[in-house]
C-alpha atoms as a PDB file:
ATOM      1  CA  MET A   1      20.676   8.823 109.947  1.00  0.00           C
ATOM      2  CA  PHE A   2      20.877  11.802 112.353  1.00  0.00           C
ATOM      3  CA  GLN A   3      17.768  10.630 114.230  1.00  0.00           C
ATOM      4  CA  SER A   4      18.693  12.406 117.479  1.00  0.00           C
ATOM      5  CA  LEU A   5      19.333  15.838 115.961  1.00  0.00           C
ATOM      6  CA  LYS A   6      16.332  15.452 113.641  1.00  0.00           C
ATOM      7  CA  LYS A   7      14.070  14.656 116.599  1.00  0.00           C
ATOM      8  CA  LYS A   8      15.400  17.527 118.730  1.00  0.00           C
ATOM      9  CA  LEU A   9      14.978  20.135 115.997  1.00  0.00           C
ATOM     10  CA  ASN A  10      11.469  18.978 115.181  1.00  0.00           C
ATOM     11  CA  VAL A  11      10.618  19.142 118.888  1.00  0.00           C
ATOM     12  CA  PHE A  12      11.905  22.738 118.871  1.00  0.00           C
ATOM     13  CA  ILE A  13       9.633  23.594 115.949  1.00  0.00           C
ATOM     14  CA  GLY A  14       6.693  21.973 117.756  1.00  0.00           C
ATOM     15  CA  ARG A  15       7.367  23.861 120.982  1.00  0.00           C
ATOM     16  CA  THR A  16       7.589  27.145 119.114  1.00  0.00           C
ATOM     17  CA  GLU A  17       4.317  26.456 117.319  1.00  0.00           C
ATOM     18  CA  GLU A  18       2.630  25.794 120.665  1.00  0.00           C
ATOM     19  CA  LYS A  19       3.943  29.058 122.089  1.00  0.00           C
ATOM     20  CA  VAL A  20       2.682  30.998 119.091  1.00  0.00           C
ATOM     21  CA  GLU A  21      -0.765  29.403 119.364  1.00  0.00           C
ATOM     22  CA  LYS A  22      -0.897  30.094 123.088  1.00  0.00           C
ATOM     23  CA  ARG A  23       0.192  33.682 122.542  1.00  0.00           C
ATOM     24  CA  ALA A  24      -2.599  34.084 119.986  1.00  0.00           C
ATOM     25  CA  GLU A  25      -5.182  32.767 122.442  1.00  0.00           C
ATOM     26  CA  LEU A  26      -4.044  34.802 125.444  1.00  0.00           C
ATOM     27  CA  SER A  27      -3.266  38.125 123.830  1.00  0.00           C
ATOM     28  CA  THR A  28      -5.910  40.803 124.302  1.00  0.00           C
ATOM     29  CA  GLU A  29      -4.768  42.274 121.001  1.00  0.00           C
ATOM     30  CA  THR A  30      -5.553  39.271 118.869  1.00  0.00           C
ATOM     31  CA  LYS A  31      -8.957  40.535 117.850  1.00  0.00           C
ATOM     32  CA  VAL A  32      -9.672  43.508 115.696  1.00  0.00           C
ATOM     33  CA  ARG A  33     -13.400  43.925 115.023  1.00  0.00           C
ATOM     34  CA  GLY A  34     -13.912  40.261 115.776  1.00  0.00           C
ATOM     35  CA  ILE A  35     -11.240  39.075 113.351  1.00  0.00           C
ATOM     36  CA  LEU A  36      -8.067  37.354 114.555  1.00  0.00           C
ATOM     37  CA  ARG A  37      -4.866  39.249 113.806  1.00  0.00           C
ATOM     38  CA  PRO A  38      -3.005  37.446 111.017  1.00  0.00           C
ATOM     39  CA  LYS A  39       0.396  37.775 112.714  1.00  0.00           C
ATOM     40  CA  ILE A  40       1.637  36.949 116.240  1.00  0.00           C
ATOM     41  CA  ARG A  41       4.791  38.072 118.019  1.00  0.00           C
ATOM     42  CA  LEU A  42       6.581  35.808 120.535  1.00  0.00           C
ATOM     43  CA  SER A  43       7.387  37.405 123.881  1.00  0.00           C
ATOM     44  CA  GLU A  44      10.966  37.469 125.225  1.00  0.00           C
ATOM     45  CA  GLU A  45       9.905  35.061 127.967  1.00  0.00           C
ATOM     46  CA  ASP A  46       8.431  32.621 125.449  1.00  0.00           C
ATOM     47  CA  LEU A  47      11.605  32.729 123.397  1.00  0.00           C
ATOM     48  CA  GLU A  48      13.950  32.235 126.343  1.00  0.00           C
ATOM     49  CA  ASN A  49      12.051  29.162 127.540  1.00  0.00           C
ATOM     50  CA  ILE A  50      12.098  27.580 124.086  1.00  0.00           C
ATOM     51  CA  LEU A  51      15.780  28.302 123.519  1.00  0.00           C
ATOM     52  CA  TYR A  52      16.760  26.960 126.937  1.00  0.00           C
ATOM     53  CA  ASP A  53      15.166  23.620 126.092  1.00  0.00           C
ATOM     54  CA  LEU A  54      16.827  23.648 122.667  1.00  0.00           C
ATOM     55  CA  GLN A  55      20.230  24.296 124.253  1.00  0.00           C
ATOM     56  CA  LEU A  56      20.000  21.081 126.272  1.00  0.00           C
ATOM     57  CA  ASP A  57      18.711  19.133 123.282  1.00  0.00           C
ATOM     58  CA  LEU A  58      21.535  20.232 120.977  1.00  0.00           C
ATOM     59  CA  ILE A  59      24.265  19.386 123.487  1.00  0.00           C
ATOM     60  CA  GLN A  60      22.733  15.918 123.905  1.00  0.00           C
ATOM     61  CA  SER A  61      22.971  15.513 120.115  1.00  0.00           C
ATOM     62  CA  ASP A  62      26.761  16.066 120.028  1.00  0.00           C
ATOM     63  CA  VAL A  63      26.638  19.752 119.119  1.00  0.00           C
ATOM     64  CA  ALA A  64      29.572  21.409 120.917  1.00  0.00           C
ATOM     65  CA  VAL A  65      28.760  24.057 123.527  1.00  0.00           C
ATOM     66  CA  GLU A  66      30.296  26.914 121.504  1.00  0.00           C
ATOM     67  CA  THR A  67      28.338  25.890 118.405  1.00  0.00           C
ATOM     68  CA  THR A  68      25.155  25.526 120.441  1.00  0.00           C
ATOM     69  CA  ASP A  69      25.603  29.035 121.834  1.00  0.00           C
ATOM     70  CA  ALA A  70      26.070  30.399 118.313  1.00  0.00           C
ATOM     71  CA  ILE A  71      22.903  28.676 117.070  1.00  0.00           C
ATOM     72  CA  LEU A  72      20.882  30.008 120.006  1.00  0.00           C
ATOM     73  CA  GLU A  73      22.162  33.537 119.537  1.00  0.00           C
ATOM     74  CA  LYS A  74      21.362  33.493 115.825  1.00  0.00           C
ATOM     75  CA  LEU A  75      17.869  32.100 116.476  1.00  0.00           C
ATOM     76  CA  ARG A  76      17.275  34.725 119.145  1.00  0.00           C
ATOM     77  CA  SER A  77      18.248  37.410 116.657  1.00  0.00           C
ATOM     78  CA  VAL A  78      15.994  35.971 113.927  1.00  0.00           C
ATOM     79  CA  LEU A  79      12.927  35.301 116.109  1.00  0.00           C
ATOM     80  CA  SER A  80      13.045  38.106 118.657  1.00  0.00           C
ATOM     81  CA  GLY A  81      10.365  40.649 117.886  1.00  0.00           C
ATOM     82  CA  ARG A  82       9.426  38.926 114.654  1.00  0.00           C
ATOM     83  CA  GLU A  83       5.752  38.705 113.760  1.00  0.00           C
ATOM     84  CA  ILE A  84       4.795  35.203 112.653  1.00  0.00           C
ATOM     85  CA  ASP A  85       1.960  34.589 110.241  1.00  0.00           C
ATOM     86  CA  LYS A  86      -0.571  32.513 112.165  1.00  0.00           C
ATOM     87  CA  LYS A  87      -1.426  30.567 109.014  1.00  0.00           C
ATOM     88  CA  ARG A  88       2.229  29.707 108.351  1.00  0.00           C
ATOM     89  CA  VAL A  89       3.622  29.029 111.823  1.00  0.00           C
ATOM     90  CA  HIS A  90       5.404  25.772 111.018  1.00  0.00           C
ATOM     91  CA  GLU A  91       6.826  27.051 107.737  1.00  0.00           C
ATOM     92  CA  SER A  92       8.011  30.305 109.331  1.00  0.00           C
ATOM     93  CA  ILE A  93       9.819  28.588 112.192  1.00  0.00           C
ATOM     94  CA  GLU A  94      11.390  26.008 109.879  1.00  0.00           C
ATOM     95  CA  GLU A  95      12.555  28.732 107.484  1.00  0.00           C
ATOM     96  CA  SER A  96      14.199  30.571 110.396  1.00  0.00           C
ATOM     97  CA  LEU A  97      15.917  27.391 111.551  1.00  0.00           C
ATOM     98  CA  ARG A  98      17.126  26.579 108.030  1.00  0.00           C
ATOM     99  CA  ARG A  99      18.584  30.061 107.712  1.00  0.00           C
ATOM    100  CA  VAL A 100      20.462  29.744 110.996  1.00  0.00           C
ATOM    101  CA  LEU A 101      21.777  26.240 110.268  1.00  0.00           C
ATOM    102  CA  ARG A 102      22.963  27.346 106.827  1.00  0.00           C
ATOM    103  CA  GLU A 103      24.912  30.211 108.425  1.00  0.00           C
ATOM    104  CA  VAL A 104      26.544  27.834 110.919  1.00  0.00           C
ATOM    105  CA  LEU A 105      27.411  25.327 108.184  1.00  0.00           C
ATOM    106  CA  THR A 106      28.861  27.909 105.794  1.00  0.00           C
ATOM    107  CA  PRO A 107      32.680  27.932 106.068  1.00  0.00           C
ATOM    108  CA  ASP A 108      34.988  30.824 105.342  1.00  0.00           C
ATOM    109  CA  LYS A 109      35.866  29.231 102.001  1.00  0.00           C
ATOM    110  CA  GLU A 110      34.237  26.480  99.958  1.00  0.00           C
ATOM    111  CA  ILE A 111      36.435  23.816  98.322  1.00  0.00           C
ATOM    112  CA  ASP A 112      35.434  21.464  95.532  1.00  0.00           C
ATOM    113  CA  VAL A 113      38.238  18.896  95.558  1.00  0.00           C
ATOM    114  CA  ILE A 114      37.833  17.883  91.912  1.00  0.00           C
ATOM    115  CA  ASP A 115      37.903  21.501  90.730  1.00  0.00           C
ATOM    116  CA  PHE A 116      40.800  22.253  93.075  1.00  0.00           C
ATOM    117  CA  VAL A 117      42.894  19.446  91.601  1.00  0.00           C
ATOM    118  CA  LYS A 118      41.921  20.383  88.056  1.00  0.00           C
ATOM    119  CA  ASN A 119      42.976  24.017  88.503  1.00  0.00           C
ATOM    120  CA  SER A 120      46.150  23.566  90.592  1.00  0.00           C
ATOM    121  CA  SER A 121      49.773  23.066  89.578  1.00  0.00           C
ATOM    122  CA  LYS A 122      50.749  19.417  89.481  1.00  0.00           C
ATOM    123  CA  PRO A 123      51.408  17.360  91.414  1.00  0.00           C
ATOM    124  CA  VAL A 124      48.699  18.307  93.893  1.00  0.00           C
ATOM    125  CA  VAL A 125      49.519  17.015  97.386  1.00  0.00           C
ATOM    126  CA  LEU A 126      46.663  16.043  99.712  1.00  0.00           C
ATOM    127  CA  LEU A 127      47.680  15.182 103.275  1.00  0.00           C
ATOM    128  CA  PHE A 128      45.283  13.191 105.474  1.00  0.00           C
ATOM    129  CA  VAL A 129      45.486  13.536 109.268  1.00  0.00           C
ATOM    130  CA  GLY A 130      43.500  12.301 112.250  1.00  0.00           C
ATOM    131  CA  VAL A 131      43.559   9.984 115.240  1.00  0.00           C
ATOM    132  CA  ASN A 132      43.804   6.196 115.326  1.00  0.00           C
ATOM    133  CA  GLY A 133      40.695   4.399 114.139  1.00  0.00           C
ATOM    134  CA  SER A 134      39.103   7.322 112.332  1.00  0.00           C
ATOM    135  CA  GLY A 135      39.231   5.550 108.954  1.00  0.00           C
ATOM    136  CA  LYS A 136      42.020   7.560 107.315  1.00  0.00           C
ATOM    137  CA  THR A 137      43.488   4.806 105.164  1.00  0.00           C
ATOM    138  CA  THR A 138      40.090   3.687 103.859  1.00  0.00           C
ATOM    139  CA  THR A 139      39.187   7.319 103.184  1.00  0.00           C
ATOM    140  CA  VAL A 140      42.439   7.854 101.252  1.00  0.00           C
ATOM    141  CA  MET A 141      41.487   4.974  98.992  1.00  0.00           C
ATOM    142  CA  LYS A 142      37.957   6.301  98.465  1.00  0.00           C
ATOM    143  CA  VAL A 143      39.386   9.675  97.439  1.00  0.00           C
ATOM    144  CA  ALA A 144      41.910   7.916  95.163  1.00  0.00           C
ATOM    145  CA  ASN A 145      39.083   6.018  93.505  1.00  0.00           C
ATOM    146  CA  LEU A 146      37.089   9.225  93.001  1.00  0.00           C
ATOM    147  CA  LEU A 147      40.070  11.023  91.484  1.00  0.00           C
ATOM    148  CA  LYS A 148      40.781   8.144  89.097  1.00  0.00           C
ATOM    149  CA  LYS A 149      37.167   8.160  87.956  1.00  0.00           C
ATOM    150  CA  ASN A 150      37.572  11.847  87.162  1.00  0.00           C
ATOM    151  CA  GLY A 151      40.570  11.168  84.957  1.00  0.00           C
ATOM    152  CA  PHE A 152      43.455  12.045  87.301  1.00  0.00           C
ATOM    153  CA  SER A 153      46.579   9.939  87.822  1.00  0.00           C
ATOM    154  CA  VAL A 154      47.375   9.201  91.466  1.00  0.00           C
ATOM    155  CA  VAL A 155      50.255   7.948  93.610  1.00  0.00           C
ATOM    156  CA  LEU A 156      50.007   7.007  97.283  1.00  0.00           C
ATOM    157  CA  ALA A 157      52.452   7.900 100.053  1.00  0.00           C
ATOM    158  CA  ALA A 158      52.514   5.372 102.924  1.00  0.00           C
ATOM    159  CA  GLY A 159      53.271   7.924 105.641  1.00  0.00           C
ATOM    160  CA  ASP A 160      51.776   5.718 108.353  1.00  0.00           C
ATOM    161  CA  THR A 161      55.077   4.045 109.197  1.00  0.00           C
ATOM    162  CA  PHE A 162      54.221   3.249 112.816  1.00  0.00           C
ATOM    163  CA  ARG A 163      51.078   1.136 112.750  1.00  0.00           C
ATOM    164  CA  ALA A 164      51.702  -2.548 112.244  1.00  0.00           C
ATOM    165  CA  GLY A 165      50.414  -3.426 108.800  1.00  0.00           C
ATOM    166  CA  GLY A 166      49.733   0.211 107.894  1.00  0.00           C
ATOM    167  CA  ILE A 167      52.077   0.218 104.890  1.00  0.00           C
ATOM    168  CA  GLU A 168      50.837  -3.153 103.666  1.00  0.00           C
ATOM    169  CA  GLN A 169      47.190  -2.133 104.011  1.00  0.00           C
ATOM    170  CA  LEU A 170      47.638   0.948 101.851  1.00  0.00           C
ATOM    171  CA  ALA A 171      49.744  -0.919  99.286  1.00  0.00           C
ATOM    172  CA  THR A 172      47.164  -3.710  98.977  1.00  0.00           C
ATOM    173  CA  HIS A 173      44.338  -1.225  98.449  1.00  0.00           C
ATOM    174  CA  GLY A 174      46.504   0.593  95.900  1.00  0.00           C
ATOM    175  CA  GLU A 175      47.146  -2.579  93.944  1.00  0.00           C
ATOM    176  CA  ASN A 176      43.412  -3.263  93.787  1.00  0.00           C
ATOM    177  CA  LEU A 177      42.923   0.149  92.169  1.00  0.00           C
ATOM    178  CA  GLY A 178      46.014  -0.046  90.003  1.00  0.00           C
ATOM    179  CA  ILE A 179      47.750   2.747  91.913  1.00  0.00           C
ATOM    180  CA  ARG A 180      51.382   2.656  93.002  1.00  0.00           C
ATOM    181  CA  THR A 181      52.326   3.145  96.651  1.00  0.00           C
ATOM    182  CA  ILE A 182      55.613   4.796  97.670  1.00  0.00           C
ATOM    183  CA  SER A 183      56.838   3.441 101.001  1.00  0.00           C
ATOM    184  CA  HIS A 184      59.898   3.010 103.238  1.00  0.00           C
ATOM    185  CA  GLN A 185      60.547   0.489 105.966  1.00  0.00           C
ATOM    186  CA  ARG A 186      58.482   0.537 109.133  1.00  0.00           C
ATOM    187  CA  ALA A 187      59.326   3.368 111.605  1.00  0.00           C
ATOM    188  CA  ALA A 188      60.917   5.415 108.805  1.00  0.00           C
ATOM    189  CA  ASP A 189      60.627   9.203 108.674  1.00  0.00           C
ATOM    190  CA  SER A 190      57.108   9.990 107.427  1.00  0.00           C
ATOM    191  CA  ALA A 191      58.189  13.346 106.012  1.00  0.00           C
ATOM    192  CA  ALA A 192      60.774  11.562 103.849  1.00  0.00           C
ATOM    193  CA  VAL A 193      58.190   9.082 102.549  1.00  0.00           C
ATOM    194  CA  VAL A 194      55.870  11.883 101.455  1.00  0.00           C
ATOM    195  CA  TYR A 195      58.816  13.767  99.911  1.00  0.00           C
ATOM    196  CA  ASP A 196      59.823  10.734  97.848  1.00  0.00           C
ATOM    197  CA  ALA A 197      56.218  10.278  96.657  1.00  0.00           C
ATOM    198  CA  ILE A 198      56.130  13.904  95.499  1.00  0.00           C
ATOM    199  CA  GLU A 199      59.447  13.491  93.636  1.00  0.00           C
ATOM    200  CA  HIS A 200      58.105  10.309  92.036  1.00  0.00           C
ATOM    201  CA  ALA A 201      54.992  12.192  90.909  1.00  0.00           C
ATOM    202  CA  LYS A 202      57.057  15.032  89.446  1.00  0.00           C
ATOM    203  CA  ALA A 203      59.283  12.659  87.510  1.00  0.00           C
ATOM    204  CA  ARG A 204      56.373  10.722  86.046  1.00  0.00           C
ATOM    205  CA  LYS A 205      53.964  13.655  85.644  1.00  0.00           C
ATOM    206  CA  ILE A 206      51.413  12.172  88.031  1.00  0.00           C
ATOM    207  CA  ASP A 207      48.583  14.547  88.938  1.00  0.00           C
ATOM    208  CA  VAL A 208      47.959  13.842  92.614  1.00  0.00           C
ATOM    209  CA  VAL A 209      49.842  12.579  95.672  1.00  0.00           C
ATOM    210  CA  LEU A 210      47.624  11.229  98.460  1.00  0.00           C
ATOM    211  CA  ALA A 211      49.606  11.021 101.701  1.00  0.00           C
ATOM    212  CA  ASP A 212      48.413   8.771 104.501  1.00  0.00           C
ATOM    213  CA  THR A 213      49.790   9.463 107.994  1.00  0.00           C
ATOM    214  CA  ALA A 214      49.950   7.653 111.301  1.00  0.00           C
ATOM    215  CA  GLY A 215      46.992   8.180 113.594  1.00  0.00           C
ATOM    216  CA  ARG A 216      47.980  10.360 116.512  1.00  0.00           C
ATOM    217  CA  MET A 217      46.196  11.713 119.515  1.00  0.00           C
ATOM    218  CA  GLN A 218      45.956  15.481 119.402  1.00  0.00           C
ATOM    219  CA  THR A 219      47.357  15.656 122.950  1.00  0.00           C
ATOM    220  CA  LYS A 220      50.707  14.017 122.069  1.00  0.00           C
ATOM    221  CA  THR A 221      53.190  16.860 121.551  1.00  0.00           C
ATOM    222  CA  ASN A 222      55.914  14.793 119.899  1.00  0.00           C
ATOM    223  CA  LEU A 223      53.520  13.337 117.346  1.00  0.00           C
ATOM    224  CA  MET A 224      52.110  16.748 116.492  1.00  0.00           C
ATOM    225  CA  ASP A 225      55.678  18.020 116.105  1.00  0.00           C
ATOM    226  CA  GLU A 226      56.237  15.287 113.533  1.00  0.00           C
ATOM    227  CA  MET A 227      53.047  16.300 111.714  1.00  0.00           C
ATOM    228  CA  ARG A 228      54.280  19.873 111.569  1.00  0.00           C
ATOM    229  CA  LYS A 229      57.554  18.559 110.104  1.00  0.00           C
ATOM    230  CA  ILE A 230      55.674  16.685 107.370  1.00  0.00           C
ATOM    231  CA  CYS A 231      53.873  19.910 106.472  1.00  0.00           C
ATOM    232  CA  ARG A 232      57.012  22.049 106.660  1.00  0.00           C
ATOM    233  CA  VAL A 233      59.054  19.733 104.407  1.00  0.00           C
ATOM    234  CA  ASN A 234      56.352  18.905 101.866  1.00  0.00           C
ATOM    235  CA  LYS A 235      53.998  21.910 101.869  1.00  0.00           C
ATOM    236  CA  PRO A 236      50.798  19.981 101.073  1.00  0.00           C
ATOM    237  CA  ASP A 237      48.186  21.800  99.005  1.00  0.00           C
ATOM    238  CA  LEU A 238      45.327  20.557 101.190  1.00  0.00           C
ATOM    239  CA  ARG A 239      45.541  19.339 104.784  1.00  0.00           C
ATOM    240  CA  ILE A 240      42.494  17.201 105.381  1.00  0.00           C
ATOM    241  CA  PHE A 241      41.257  16.104 108.798  1.00  0.00           C
ATOM    242  CA  VAL A 242      39.498  12.733 108.877  1.00  0.00           C
ATOM    243  CA  GLY A 243      37.132  12.268 111.811  1.00  0.00           C
ATOM    244  CA  ASP A 244      34.810   9.495 112.952  1.00  0.00           C
ATOM    245  CA  ALA A 245      31.292  10.966 113.167  1.00  0.00           C
ATOM    246  CA  LEU A 246      30.324   8.358 115.761  1.00  0.00           C
ATOM    247  CA  THR A 247      32.766   9.834 118.293  1.00  0.00           C
ATOM    248  CA  GLY A 248      30.735  13.040 118.458  1.00  0.00           C
ATOM    249  CA  ASN A 249      32.354  15.760 120.531  1.00  0.00           C
ATOM    250  CA  ASP A 250      35.667  13.876 120.539  1.00  0.00           C
ATOM    251  CA  ALA A 251      35.828  14.374 116.758  1.00  0.00           C
ATOM    252  CA  VAL A 252      35.071  18.069 117.242  1.00  0.00           C
ATOM    253  CA  GLU A 253      37.911  18.470 119.737  1.00  0.00           C
ATOM    254  CA  GLN A 254      40.265  16.560 117.443  1.00  0.00           C
ATOM    255  CA  ALA A 255      39.393  18.794 114.483  1.00  0.00           C
ATOM    256  CA  ARG A 256      39.875  21.885 116.618  1.00  0.00           C
ATOM    257  CA  ALA A 257      43.291  20.657 117.808  1.00  0.00           C
ATOM    258  CA  PHE A 258      44.584  19.693 114.347  1.00  0.00           C
ATOM    259  CA  ASN A 259      43.382  23.008 112.966  1.00  0.00           C
ATOM    260  CA  ARG A 260      45.215  24.837 115.733  1.00  0.00           C
ATOM    261  CA  GLU A 261      48.441  22.862 115.322  1.00  0.00           C
ATOM    262  CA  ILE A 262      48.796  22.530 111.529  1.00  0.00           C
ATOM    263  CA  GLY A 263      45.923  24.493 110.002  1.00  0.00           C
ATOM    264  CA  ILE A 264      43.516  22.126 108.242  1.00  0.00           C
ATOM    265  CA  ASP A 265      41.822  23.110 104.974  1.00  0.00           C
ATOM    266  CA  GLY A 266      38.812  20.837 105.282  1.00  0.00           C
ATOM    267  CA  SER A 267      37.398  17.712 106.885  1.00  0.00           C
ATOM    268  CA  ILE A 268      36.017  14.341 105.903  1.00  0.00           C
ATOM    269  CA  LEU A 269      33.603  12.642 108.305  1.00  0.00           C
ATOM    270  CA  THR A 270      33.472   8.859 108.229  1.00  0.00           C
ATOM    271  CA  LYS A 271      30.604   6.555 109.282  1.00  0.00           C
ATOM    272  CA  MET A 272      27.976   9.229 108.667  1.00  0.00           C
ATOM    273  CA  ASP A 273      25.558   6.500 107.581  1.00  0.00           C
ATOM    274  CA  ALA A 274      25.649   5.098 111.125  1.00  0.00           C
ATOM    275  CA  ASP A 275      25.603   8.457 112.958  1.00  0.00           C
ATOM    276  CA  VAL A 276      22.301   8.702 114.844  1.00  0.00           C
ATOM    277  CA  LYS A 277      23.094  12.044 116.505  1.00  0.00           C
ATOM    278  CA  GLY A 278      24.445  14.220 113.699  1.00  0.00           C
ATOM    279  CA  GLY A 279      25.731  17.137 115.745  1.00  0.00           C
ATOM    280  CA  SER A 280      29.426  16.713 114.985  1.00  0.00           C
ATOM    281  CA  ALA A 281      29.027  17.948 111.390  1.00  0.00           C
ATOM    282  CA  LEU A 282      27.520  21.197 112.626  1.00  0.00           C
ATOM    283  CA  ALA A 283      30.164  21.671 115.281  1.00  0.00           C
ATOM    284  CA  ILE A 284      33.238  20.802 113.186  1.00  0.00           C
ATOM    285  CA  THR A 285      32.294  23.281 110.462  1.00  0.00           C
ATOM    286  CA  TYR A 286      31.533  26.063 112.934  1.00  0.00           C
ATOM    287  CA  GLU A 287      34.538  25.416 115.190  1.00  0.00           C
ATOM    288  CA  THR A 288      37.144  25.216 112.411  1.00  0.00           C
ATOM    289  CA  LYS A 289      35.474  27.568 109.886  1.00  0.00           C
ATOM    290  CA  LYS A 290      36.607  25.041 107.257  1.00  0.00           C
ATOM    291  CA  PRO A 291      34.349  23.000 104.950  1.00  0.00           C
ATOM    292  CA  ILE A 292      33.386  19.362 105.247  1.00  0.00           C
ATOM    293  CA  LEU A 293      34.574  18.048 101.893  1.00  0.00           C
ATOM    294  CA  PHE A 294      33.089  14.554 101.916  1.00  0.00           C
ATOM    295  CA  VAL A 295      31.251  12.139 104.159  1.00  0.00           C
ATOM    296  CA  GLY A 296      31.747   8.399 104.295  1.00  0.00           C
ATOM    297  CA  VAL A 297      28.408   6.606 103.942  1.00  0.00           C
ATOM    298  CA  GLY A 298      29.461   2.955 103.863  1.00  0.00           C
ATOM    299  CA  GLN A 299      32.356   0.518 103.627  1.00  0.00           C
ATOM    300  CA  GLY A 300      32.515   0.270  99.849  1.00  0.00           C
ATOM    301  CA  ILE A 301      35.129   2.054  97.744  1.00  0.00           C
ATOM    302  CA  ASP A 302      32.394   4.193  96.163  1.00  0.00           C
ATOM    303  CA  ASP A 303      30.736   5.100  99.454  1.00  0.00           C
ATOM    304  CA  LEU A 304      32.032   8.655  99.549  1.00  0.00           C
ATOM    305  CA  LYS A 305      29.525  11.495  99.206  1.00  0.00           C
ATOM    306  CA  ARG A 306      30.313  15.135  98.584  1.00  0.00           C
ATOM    307  CA  PHE A 307      28.995  17.053 101.599  1.00  0.00           C
ATOM    308  CA  ASP A 308      26.142  19.330 100.639  1.00  0.00           C
ATOM    309  CA  VAL A 309      24.766  21.822 103.177  1.00  0.00           C
ATOM    310  CA  ASP A 310      21.217  21.725 101.806  1.00  0.00           C
ATOM    311  CA  TRP A 311      21.234  17.908 101.812  1.00  0.00           C
ATOM    312  CA  PHE A 312      22.359  17.855 105.449  1.00  0.00           C
ATOM    313  CA  ILE A 313      19.782  20.437 106.550  1.00  0.00           C
ATOM    314  CA  GLY A 314      17.082  18.542 104.686  1.00  0.00           C
ATOM    315  CA  GLU A 315      18.068  15.324 106.457  1.00  0.00           C
ATOM    316  CA  ILE A 316      17.841  16.836 109.940  1.00  0.00           C
ATOM    317  CA  LEU A 317      14.664  18.865 109.378  1.00  0.00           C
ATOM    318  CA  GLU A 318      12.720  16.234 107.497  1.00  0.00           C
ATOM    319  CA  ALA A 319       9.856  15.001 109.691  1.00  0.00           C
ATOM    320  CA  SER A 320      10.741  11.837 111.593  1.00  0.00           C
END
């Protein structure tokens, strides 16, 4: 998992260590009465060379250009003029990198979905959006399973009325979990389907409505207009973008577009177990300023992991 980003960041740490060691050897100020100075300061030239290489490495690992620039600027601020303990070079550089990555991965507002549902007026409406093939329907079912395990009642809204078999797929999954699916005929108004599911939940005191939607490319104006209609009519409590981690920068652009058009509250990244690059998680959080709520780590109904910043940073900084 995340082998590309892990490798690039460890290469950065190695390069920085080499620069510090070289600076210690070359500096005429390293000796005081025959004893090596305990701390070394990187020169501006050293830092620029290291950061230039890191810039290329991050972009190759699916970190968007804007996010890459932010990481470089934060690292420059942290490392510029800083004296590094010669006995703790690796630890010092890694600590600086952890600090910067944590800043990039910290959204404007954290959301714990279970706590959110527990503390909100019922029914709570969660709307799932994204492009074709991102794994929305499977993700809806994983979230439904998680909510049921936490004691909440759930109803599904089959808002994907355009994809052949979309309604049937959701209904079949719902039956397997013992959850009812509210649906209309194919090509029906998605906003009306979600509305009926909400009314059903109100009448039967169901806690949560999970609304699936048709996959749509973020460049299709008419489809985004329909998504805005769904939101306007039904006022979902959380608008959740579902992105395929394997698509890298495409997922970042999709998240950016959906956030611009309808205002997402958080993201779920699918196929994270197969993502060898890892940069999209960094970029999506930084670009949207919204949290990653969960990550999909397999095909099973239980393969949904709450995204944890420290877990992610540990994965990408752990030695290869």
